[in-house]
Amino acid sequence: MQDIKSEPMTLSQVEEMKEMEGSYEALFSKRAQLYRKRGLNEQTLSEDDYKNLILEHYTFLKRPVMIVEDKIFVGNSKKVVAAAVEAFAK
């Protein structure tokens, strides 16, 4: 358990999550208020952009993120939550 607001993520943590999830974009929250406020929704962002934004401000990380052994669950969609609950039950 890590409160990323008070204990920011490290580069290695973000890189590890990217390896597990497949891309930085998959970890990125396009619902973050700063996303629209900065006009990022009108830009074409690269994987490096997504990584740097996630490292810059915690709100750019899609939450919650749950890691169970070698599996990662990102976001709160019904499908993701159900899969995480199943993984925790094992």
N, C-alpha and C. Protein backbone atom coordinates (compact mmCIF):
# COMPACT_ATOMS: atom_id res chain seq x y z
N MET A 1 0.85 -1.17 0.00
CA MET A 1 0.00 0.00 0.00
C MET A 1 0.90 1.23 0.00
N GLN A 2 0.64 2.14 -0.94
CA GLN A 2 1.44 3.35 -1.03
C GLN A 2 0.53 4.53 -1.33
N ASP A 3 0.59 5.56 -0.51
CA ASP A 3 -0.16 6.79 -0.75
C ASP A 3 0.71 7.67 -1.65
N ILE A 4 0.41 7.65 -2.95
CA ILE A 4 1.27 8.34 -3.92
C ILE A 4 1.19 9.86 -3.80
N LYS A 5 0.22 10.35 -3.07
CA LYS A 5 0.13 11.80 -2.84
C LYS A 5 1.22 12.25 -1.87
N SER A 6 1.47 11.47 -0.84
CA SER A 6 2.49 11.83 0.15
C SER A 6 3.82 11.13 -0.10
N GLU A 7 3.80 10.02 -0.82
CA GLU A 7 5.01 9.26 -1.14
C GLU A 7 5.05 9.04 -2.66
N PRO A 8 5.61 10.02 -3.39
CA PRO A 8 5.59 9.94 -4.86
C PRO A 8 6.23 8.65 -5.39
N MET A 9 5.74 8.24 -6.55
CA MET A 9 6.27 7.05 -7.20
C MET A 9 7.67 7.33 -7.73
N THR A 10 8.47 6.30 -7.76
CA THR A 10 9.81 6.42 -8.32
C THR A 10 9.77 6.05 -9.80
N LEU A 11 10.82 6.43 -10.50
CA LEU A 11 10.93 6.08 -11.91
C LEU A 11 10.88 4.57 -12.09
N SER A 12 11.57 3.84 -11.24
CA SER A 12 11.59 2.38 -11.38
C SER A 12 10.21 1.77 -11.14
N GLN A 13 9.43 2.33 -10.22
CA GLN A 13 8.07 1.83 -10.00
C GLN A 13 7.20 2.04 -11.23
N VAL A 14 7.29 3.22 -11.81
CA VAL A 14 6.49 3.53 -13.00
C VAL A 14 6.93 2.66 -14.17
N GLU A 15 8.22 2.46 -14.33
CA GLU A 15 8.72 1.60 -15.41
C GLU A 15 8.27 0.15 -15.21
N GLU A 16 8.26 -0.31 -13.97
CA GLU A 16 7.80 -1.68 -13.68
C GLU A 16 6.31 -1.83 -14.00
N MET A 17 5.52 -0.84 -13.63
CA MET A 17 4.08 -0.89 -13.93
C MET A 17 3.85 -0.88 -15.44
N LYS A 18 4.65 -0.11 -16.16
CA LYS A 18 4.54 -0.06 -17.63
C LYS A 18 4.84 -1.43 -18.23
N GLU A 19 5.88 -2.08 -17.73
CA GLU A 19 6.22 -3.41 -18.24
C GLU A 19 5.08 -4.39 -18.01
N MET A 20 4.42 -4.28 -16.87
CA MET A 20 3.33 -5.19 -16.53
C MET A 20 2.08 -4.88 -17.35
N GLU A 21 1.80 -3.60 -17.56
CA GLU A 21 0.57 -3.18 -18.23
C GLU A 21 0.71 -3.07 -19.75
N GLY A 22 1.94 -2.84 -20.22
CA GLY A 22 2.17 -2.80 -21.67
C GLY A 22 2.45 -1.43 -22.24
N SER A 23 1.98 -0.36 -21.57
CA SER A 23 2.26 0.99 -22.07
C SER A 23 2.03 2.00 -20.95
N TYR A 24 2.66 3.16 -21.11
CA TYR A 24 2.42 4.24 -20.16
C TYR A 24 1.02 4.82 -20.36
N GLU A 25 0.57 4.82 -21.61
CA GLU A 25 -0.77 5.35 -21.89
C GLU A 25 -1.84 4.57 -21.13
N ALA A 26 -1.66 3.26 -20.99
CA ALA A 26 -2.63 2.44 -20.27
C ALA A 26 -2.67 2.79 -18.77
N LEU A 27 -1.60 3.38 -18.27
CA LEU A 27 -1.53 3.79 -16.87
C LEU A 27 -2.03 5.22 -16.66
N PHE A 28 -2.22 5.94 -17.74
CA PHE A 28 -2.50 7.38 -17.71
C PHE A 28 -3.99 7.65 -17.57
N SER A 29 -4.32 8.60 -16.69
CA SER A 29 -5.71 8.99 -16.49
C SER A 29 -6.05 10.22 -17.32
N LYS A 30 -6.88 10.03 -18.32
CA LYS A 30 -7.32 11.15 -19.14
C LYS A 30 -8.49 11.88 -18.47
N ARG A 31 -8.86 11.44 -17.27
CA ARG A 31 -9.91 12.10 -16.50
C ARG A 31 -9.33 13.11 -15.51
N ALA A 32 -8.01 13.14 -15.39
CA ALA A 32 -7.37 14.08 -14.47
C ALA A 32 -7.72 15.51 -14.88
N GLN A 33 -8.01 16.35 -13.90
CA GLN A 33 -8.37 17.74 -14.19
C GLN A 33 -7.26 18.47 -14.94
N LEU A 34 -6.02 18.17 -14.59
CA LEU A 34 -4.89 18.82 -15.26
C LEU A 34 -4.79 18.45 -16.74
N TYR A 35 -5.35 17.33 -17.12
CA TYR A 35 -5.29 16.87 -18.52
C TYR A 35 -5.97 17.90 -19.43
N ARG A 36 -7.14 18.32 -19.06
CA ARG A 36 -7.85 19.33 -19.86
C ARG A 36 -7.33 20.74 -19.57
N LYS A 37 -7.04 21.01 -18.31
CA LYS A 37 -6.58 22.34 -17.91
C LYS A 37 -5.32 22.76 -18.69
N ARG A 38 -4.43 21.80 -18.91
CA ARG A 38 -3.19 22.08 -19.65
C ARG A 38 -3.35 21.93 -21.16
N GLY A 39 -4.54 21.55 -21.60
CA GLY A 39 -4.77 21.39 -23.03
C GLY A 39 -4.14 20.13 -23.61
N LEU A 40 -3.82 19.18 -22.74
CA LEU A 40 -3.19 17.94 -23.19
C LEU A 40 -4.13 17.12 -24.06
N ASN A 41 -5.44 17.30 -23.85
CA ASN A 41 -6.43 16.58 -24.64
C ASN A 41 -6.41 17.01 -26.10
N GLU A 42 -5.78 18.11 -26.40
CA GLU A 42 -5.70 18.61 -27.77
C GLU A 42 -4.34 18.32 -28.40
N GLN A 43 -3.51 17.58 -27.69
CA GLN A 43 -2.17 17.26 -28.18
C GLN A 43 -2.04 15.76 -28.43
N THR A 44 -1.06 15.41 -29.25
CA THR A 44 -0.72 14.01 -29.44
C THR A 44 0.46 13.72 -28.52
N LEU A 45 0.21 12.89 -27.53
CA LEU A 45 1.24 12.59 -26.53
C LEU A 45 1.97 11.31 -26.88
N SER A 46 3.27 11.29 -26.61
CA SER A 46 4.09 10.10 -26.83
C SER A 46 4.14 9.28 -25.54
N GLU A 47 4.70 8.10 -25.62
CA GLU A 47 4.86 7.27 -24.42
C GLU A 47 5.73 7.99 -23.40
N ASP A 48 6.77 8.68 -23.86
CA ASP A 48 7.62 9.45 -22.93
C ASP A 48 6.83 10.57 -22.26
N ASP A 49 5.94 11.21 -23.02
CA ASP A 49 5.10 12.25 -22.44
C ASP A 49 4.24 11.68 -21.32
N TYR A 50 3.59 10.54 -21.59
CA TYR A 50 2.75 9.91 -20.57
C TYR A 50 3.58 9.56 -19.33
N LYS A 51 4.75 8.98 -19.53
CA LYS A 51 5.61 8.60 -18.41
C LYS A 51 5.99 9.83 -17.59
N ASN A 52 6.44 10.88 -18.25
CA ASN A 52 6.88 12.08 -17.55
C ASN A 52 5.73 12.77 -16.81
N LEU A 53 4.56 12.77 -17.39
CA LEU A 53 3.40 13.37 -16.72
C LEU A 53 3.00 12.58 -15.49
N ILE A 54 3.03 11.25 -15.59
CA ILE A 54 2.71 10.40 -14.43
C ILE A 54 3.71 10.66 -13.30
N LEU A 55 4.98 10.80 -13.66
CA LEU A 55 5.99 11.07 -12.65
C LEU A 55 5.89 12.48 -12.08
N GLU A 56 5.41 13.42 -12.90
CA GLU A 56 5.30 14.81 -12.48
C GLU A 56 4.19 15.03 -11.46
N HIS A 57 3.03 14.40 -11.69
CA HIS A 57 1.90 14.64 -10.79
C HIS A 57 1.06 13.38 -10.64
N TYR A 58 0.81 13.00 -9.41
CA TYR A 58 0.13 11.74 -9.11
C TYR A 58 -1.25 11.62 -9.75
N THR A 59 -1.92 12.74 -10.02
CA THR A 59 -3.28 12.64 -10.57
C THR A 59 -3.29 12.10 -12.00
N PHE A 60 -2.14 12.08 -12.65
CA PHE A 60 -2.09 11.54 -14.01
C PHE A 60 -2.06 10.00 -14.03
N LEU A 61 -1.89 9.38 -12.87
CA LEU A 61 -1.92 7.92 -12.81
C LEU A 61 -3.37 7.46 -12.64
N LYS A 62 -3.79 6.57 -13.52
CA LYS A 62 -5.14 6.00 -13.41
C LYS A 62 -5.16 5.17 -12.13
N ARG A 63 -6.17 5.38 -11.31
CA ARG A 63 -6.22 4.71 -10.02
C ARG A 63 -7.54 3.99 -9.84
N PRO A 64 -7.54 3.02 -8.97
CA PRO A 64 -6.42 2.49 -8.20
C PRO A 64 -5.55 1.58 -9.06
N VAL A 65 -4.36 1.34 -8.57
CA VAL A 65 -3.45 0.37 -9.16
C VAL A 65 -3.22 -0.70 -8.11
N MET A 66 -3.48 -1.93 -8.49
CA MET A 66 -3.26 -3.06 -7.57
C MET A 66 -2.33 -4.05 -8.25
N ILE A 67 -1.31 -4.45 -7.53
CA ILE A 67 -0.37 -5.43 -8.05
C ILE A 67 -0.45 -6.65 -7.15
N VAL A 68 -0.78 -7.78 -7.76
CA VAL A 68 -0.87 -9.05 -7.04
C VAL A 68 0.11 -9.99 -7.72
N GLU A 69 1.20 -10.28 -6.99
CA GLU A 69 2.28 -11.11 -7.52
C GLU A 69 2.77 -10.53 -8.84
N ASP A 70 2.49 -11.17 -9.97
CA ASP A 70 3.00 -10.68 -11.26
C ASP A 70 1.91 -10.07 -12.13
N LYS A 71 0.76 -9.75 -11.53
CA LYS A 71 -0.35 -9.18 -12.29
C LYS A 71 -0.66 -7.77 -11.80
N ILE A 72 -1.05 -6.91 -12.74
CA ILE A 72 -1.39 -5.54 -12.40
C ILE A 72 -2.84 -5.27 -12.81
N PHE A 73 -3.52 -4.51 -11.98
CA PHE A 73 -4.91 -4.13 -12.23
C PHE A 73 -4.97 -2.61 -12.11
N VAL A 74 -5.36 -1.95 -13.21
CA VAL A 74 -5.34 -0.49 -13.27
C VAL A 74 -6.74 0.04 -13.54
N GLY A 75 -7.19 0.94 -12.68
CA GLY A 75 -8.50 1.57 -12.87
C GLY A 75 -9.57 0.91 -12.04
N ASN A 76 -10.80 1.42 -12.21
CA ASN A 76 -11.89 0.93 -11.38
C ASN A 76 -13.09 0.46 -12.20
N SER A 77 -12.84 0.03 -13.43
CA SER A 77 -13.96 -0.53 -14.20
C SER A 77 -14.42 -1.83 -13.55
N LYS A 78 -15.66 -2.20 -13.79
CA LYS A 78 -16.20 -3.42 -13.19
C LYS A 78 -15.36 -4.64 -13.53
N LYS A 79 -14.89 -4.71 -14.77
CA LYS A 79 -14.09 -5.84 -15.22
C LYS A 79 -12.76 -5.91 -14.46
N VAL A 80 -12.10 -4.77 -14.32
CA VAL A 80 -10.81 -4.73 -13.62
C VAL A 80 -10.99 -5.07 -12.14
N VAL A 81 -11.99 -4.50 -11.51
CA VAL A 81 -12.24 -4.76 -10.09
C VAL A 81 -12.57 -6.23 -9.85
N ALA A 82 -13.39 -6.82 -10.71
CA ALA A 82 -13.74 -8.24 -10.57
C ALA A 82 -12.50 -9.12 -10.71
N ALA A 83 -11.64 -8.79 -11.66
CA ALA A 83 -10.40 -9.57 -11.85
C ALA A 83 -9.48 -9.42 -10.65
N ALA A 84 -9.40 -8.22 -10.08
CA ALA A 84 -8.55 -8.00 -8.91
C ALA A 84 -9.08 -8.75 -7.69
N VAL A 85 -10.38 -8.71 -7.49
CA VAL A 85 -11.00 -9.43 -6.37
C VAL A 85 -10.71 -10.93 -6.50
N GLU A 86 -10.83 -11.44 -7.71
CA GLU A 86 -10.54 -12.87 -7.94
C GLU A 86 -9.08 -13.19 -7.63
N ALA A 87 -8.17 -12.30 -8.04
CA ALA A 87 -6.74 -12.52 -7.79
C ALA A 87 -6.42 -12.48 -6.31
N PHE A 88 -7.05 -11.56 -5.58
CA PHE A 88 -6.81 -11.46 -4.14
C PHE A 88 -7.41 -12.65 -3.39
N ALA A 89 -8.44 -13.27 -3.93
CA ALA A 89 -9.11 -14.40 -3.27
C ALA A 89 -8.27 -15.67 -3.34
N LYS A 90 -7.34 -15.73 -4.25
CA LYS A 90 -6.53 -16.96 -4.42
C LYS A 90 -5.49 -17.10 -3.36
